[in-house]
Amino acid sequence: MEMELKGKRALVTGSSSGIGAAIARILSEEGAKVMVHGRDEEKTRAVAQRLIDAGGEAA
């Protein structure tokens, strides 16, 4: 899927697991800089790190 998100930013709430994490991954794969957000800090940081490890930009 080509969503032309290179250079765009995305805030994905509830992205520390499940559907939110999957959406964050897809947006990152499409070139968006993703801000991961969730209630569990450890899980949230882990999702952000996976996006970074896959070559994306995340915080």
N, C-alpha and C. Protein backbone atom coordinates (compact mmCIF):
# COMPACT_ATOMS: atom_id res chain seq x y z
N MET A 1 0.86 -1.17 0.00
CA MET A 1 0.00 0.00 0.00
C MET A 1 0.91 1.23 0.00
N GLU A 2 0.62 2.19 -0.85
CA GLU A 2 1.40 3.43 -0.91
C GLU A 2 0.54 4.59 -0.43
N MET A 3 0.82 5.04 0.79
CA MET A 3 0.03 6.13 1.36
C MET A 3 0.75 7.47 1.29
N GLU A 4 1.96 7.49 0.73
CA GLU A 4 2.73 8.73 0.58
C GLU A 4 2.87 9.48 1.89
N LEU A 5 3.37 8.81 2.93
CA LEU A 5 3.49 9.41 4.26
C LEU A 5 4.90 9.87 4.59
N LYS A 6 5.83 9.75 3.66
CA LYS A 6 7.20 10.17 3.91
C LYS A 6 7.20 11.64 4.33
N GLY A 7 7.84 11.91 5.49
CA GLY A 7 7.91 13.26 6.01
C GLY A 7 6.72 13.68 6.84
N LYS A 8 5.70 12.83 6.94
CA LYS A 8 4.52 13.14 7.75
C LYS A 8 4.74 12.60 9.16
N ARG A 9 3.95 13.09 10.10
CA ARG A 9 4.02 12.62 11.49
C ARG A 9 2.68 12.00 11.86
N ALA A 10 2.74 10.98 12.72
CA ALA A 10 1.52 10.33 13.17
C ALA A 10 1.59 10.06 14.67
N LEU A 11 0.54 10.42 15.39
CA LEU A 11 0.40 10.08 16.79
C LEU A 11 -0.62 8.95 16.85
N VAL A 12 -0.19 7.80 17.38
CA VAL A 12 -1.08 6.64 17.46
C VAL A 12 -1.32 6.35 18.93
N THR A 13 -2.49 6.72 19.43
CA THR A 13 -2.81 6.45 20.83
C THR A 13 -3.16 4.98 20.99
N GLY A 14 -2.87 4.44 22.15
CA GLY A 14 -3.15 3.03 22.40
C GLY A 14 -2.29 2.11 21.56
N SER A 15 -1.08 2.56 21.23
CA SER A 15 -0.24 1.79 20.32
C SER A 15 0.81 0.94 21.02
N SER A 16 0.64 0.71 22.31
CA SER A 16 1.61 -0.12 23.02
C SER A 16 1.36 -1.61 22.81
N SER A 17 0.24 -1.96 22.17
CA SER A 17 -0.05 -3.37 21.87
C SER A 17 -1.21 -3.46 20.89
N GLY A 18 -1.46 -4.66 20.43
CA GLY A 18 -2.63 -4.96 19.62
C GLY A 18 -2.76 -4.17 18.33
N ILE A 19 -4.00 -3.75 18.05
CA ILE A 19 -4.31 -3.05 16.82
C ILE A 19 -3.53 -1.74 16.72
N GLY A 20 -3.41 -1.02 17.82
CA GLY A 20 -2.66 0.24 17.81
C GLY A 20 -1.21 0.04 17.42
N ALA A 21 -0.58 -1.01 17.93
CA ALA A 21 0.81 -1.31 17.57
C ALA A 21 0.92 -1.67 16.09
N ALA A 22 -0.05 -2.40 15.58
CA ALA A 22 -0.06 -2.77 14.17
C ALA A 22 -0.23 -1.54 13.28
N ILE A 23 -1.09 -0.62 13.68
CA ILE A 23 -1.28 0.62 12.92
C ILE A 23 0.01 1.43 12.94
N ALA A 24 0.65 1.54 14.10
CA ALA A 24 1.92 2.26 14.20
C ALA A 24 2.96 1.65 13.27
N ARG A 25 3.02 0.33 13.20
CA ARG A 25 3.98 -0.36 12.33
C ARG A 25 3.71 -0.04 10.87
N ILE A 26 2.45 -0.12 10.46
CA ILE A 26 2.10 0.15 9.06
C ILE A 26 2.42 1.60 8.70
N LEU A 27 2.07 2.54 9.56
CA LEU A 27 2.37 3.94 9.29
C LEU A 27 3.88 4.16 9.18
N SER A 28 4.62 3.52 10.05
CA SER A 28 6.08 3.63 10.01
C SER A 28 6.63 3.04 8.72
N GLU A 29 6.13 1.89 8.33
CA GLU A 29 6.57 1.27 7.07
C GLU A 29 6.28 2.15 5.87
N GLU A 30 5.23 2.96 5.97
CA GLU A 30 4.85 3.86 4.89
C GLU A 30 5.62 5.18 4.92
N GLY A 31 6.51 5.34 5.91
CA GLY A 31 7.39 6.50 5.95
C GLY A 31 7.06 7.56 6.98
N ALA A 32 5.99 7.39 7.74
CA ALA A 32 5.63 8.39 8.75
C ALA A 32 6.55 8.29 9.95
N LYS A 33 6.80 9.43 10.58
CA LYS A 33 7.47 9.46 11.87
C LYS A 33 6.37 9.23 12.90
N VAL A 34 6.50 8.19 13.71
CA VAL A 34 5.40 7.77 14.58
C VAL A 34 5.69 8.07 16.05
N MET A 35 4.70 8.68 16.71
CA MET A 35 4.75 8.87 18.15
C MET A 35 3.88 7.78 18.76
N VAL A 36 4.53 6.87 19.47
CA VAL A 36 3.83 5.74 20.09
C VAL A 36 3.31 6.21 21.46
N HIS A 37 2.08 5.83 21.80
CA HIS A 37 1.47 6.29 23.04
C HIS A 37 0.70 5.14 23.68
N GLY A 38 0.87 4.97 24.99
CA GLY A 38 0.13 3.94 25.70
C GLY A 38 0.26 4.10 27.20
N ARG A 39 -0.47 3.32 27.94
CA ARG A 39 -0.45 3.42 29.40
C ARG A 39 0.71 2.66 30.02
N ASP A 40 1.22 1.65 29.34
CA ASP A 40 2.31 0.84 29.88
C ASP A 40 3.63 1.32 29.25
N GLU A 41 4.44 2.02 30.04
CA GLU A 41 5.66 2.63 29.52
C GLU A 41 6.61 1.60 28.91
N GLU A 42 6.77 0.48 29.54
CA GLU A 42 7.69 -0.55 29.03
C GLU A 42 7.25 -1.07 27.66
N LYS A 43 5.97 -1.38 27.52
CA LYS A 43 5.44 -1.86 26.24
C LYS A 43 5.53 -0.77 25.17
N THR A 44 5.24 0.47 25.57
CA THR A 44 5.28 1.59 24.63
C THR A 44 6.68 1.78 24.09
N ARG A 45 7.67 1.77 24.98
CA ARG A 45 9.07 1.91 24.55
C ARG A 45 9.49 0.75 23.65
N ALA A 46 9.00 -0.45 23.96
CA ALA A 46 9.36 -1.62 23.16
C ALA A 46 8.81 -1.51 21.73
N VAL A 47 7.58 -1.03 21.60
CA VAL A 47 7.01 -0.84 20.26
C VAL A 47 7.81 0.20 19.49
N ALA A 48 8.11 1.33 20.14
CA ALA A 48 8.90 2.37 19.48
C ALA A 48 10.26 1.82 19.04
N GLN A 49 10.89 1.03 19.88
CA GLN A 49 12.20 0.48 19.53
C GLN A 49 12.10 -0.49 18.36
N ARG A 50 11.04 -1.28 18.31
CA ARG A 50 10.87 -2.19 17.16
C ARG A 50 10.72 -1.41 15.86
N LEU A 51 10.02 -0.29 15.91
CA LEU A 51 9.87 0.54 14.71
C LEU A 51 11.22 1.12 14.29
N ILE A 52 11.99 1.56 15.25
CA ILE A 52 13.32 2.11 14.97
C ILE A 52 14.22 1.02 14.42
N ASP A 53 14.19 -0.16 15.03
CA ASP A 53 15.02 -1.28 14.58
C ASP A 53 14.69 -1.70 13.15
N ALA A 54 13.45 -1.48 12.74
CA ALA A 54 13.01 -1.84 11.40
C ALA A 54 13.32 -0.72 10.39
N GLY A 55 13.97 0.34 10.86
CA GLY A 55 14.37 1.42 9.96
C GLY A 55 13.48 2.65 9.97
N GLY A 56 12.49 2.65 10.86
CA GLY A 56 11.59 3.80 10.93
C GLY A 56 12.04 4.82 11.95
N GLU A 57 11.26 5.89 12.08
CA GLU A 57 11.50 6.90 13.09
C GLU A 57 10.33 6.87 14.06
N ALA A 58 10.65 6.75 15.35
CA ALA A 58 9.60 6.66 16.36
C ALA A 58 10.08 7.23 17.67
N ALA A 59 9.12 7.66 18.48
CA ALA A 59 9.40 8.17 19.82
C ALA A 59 8.28 7.73 20.73
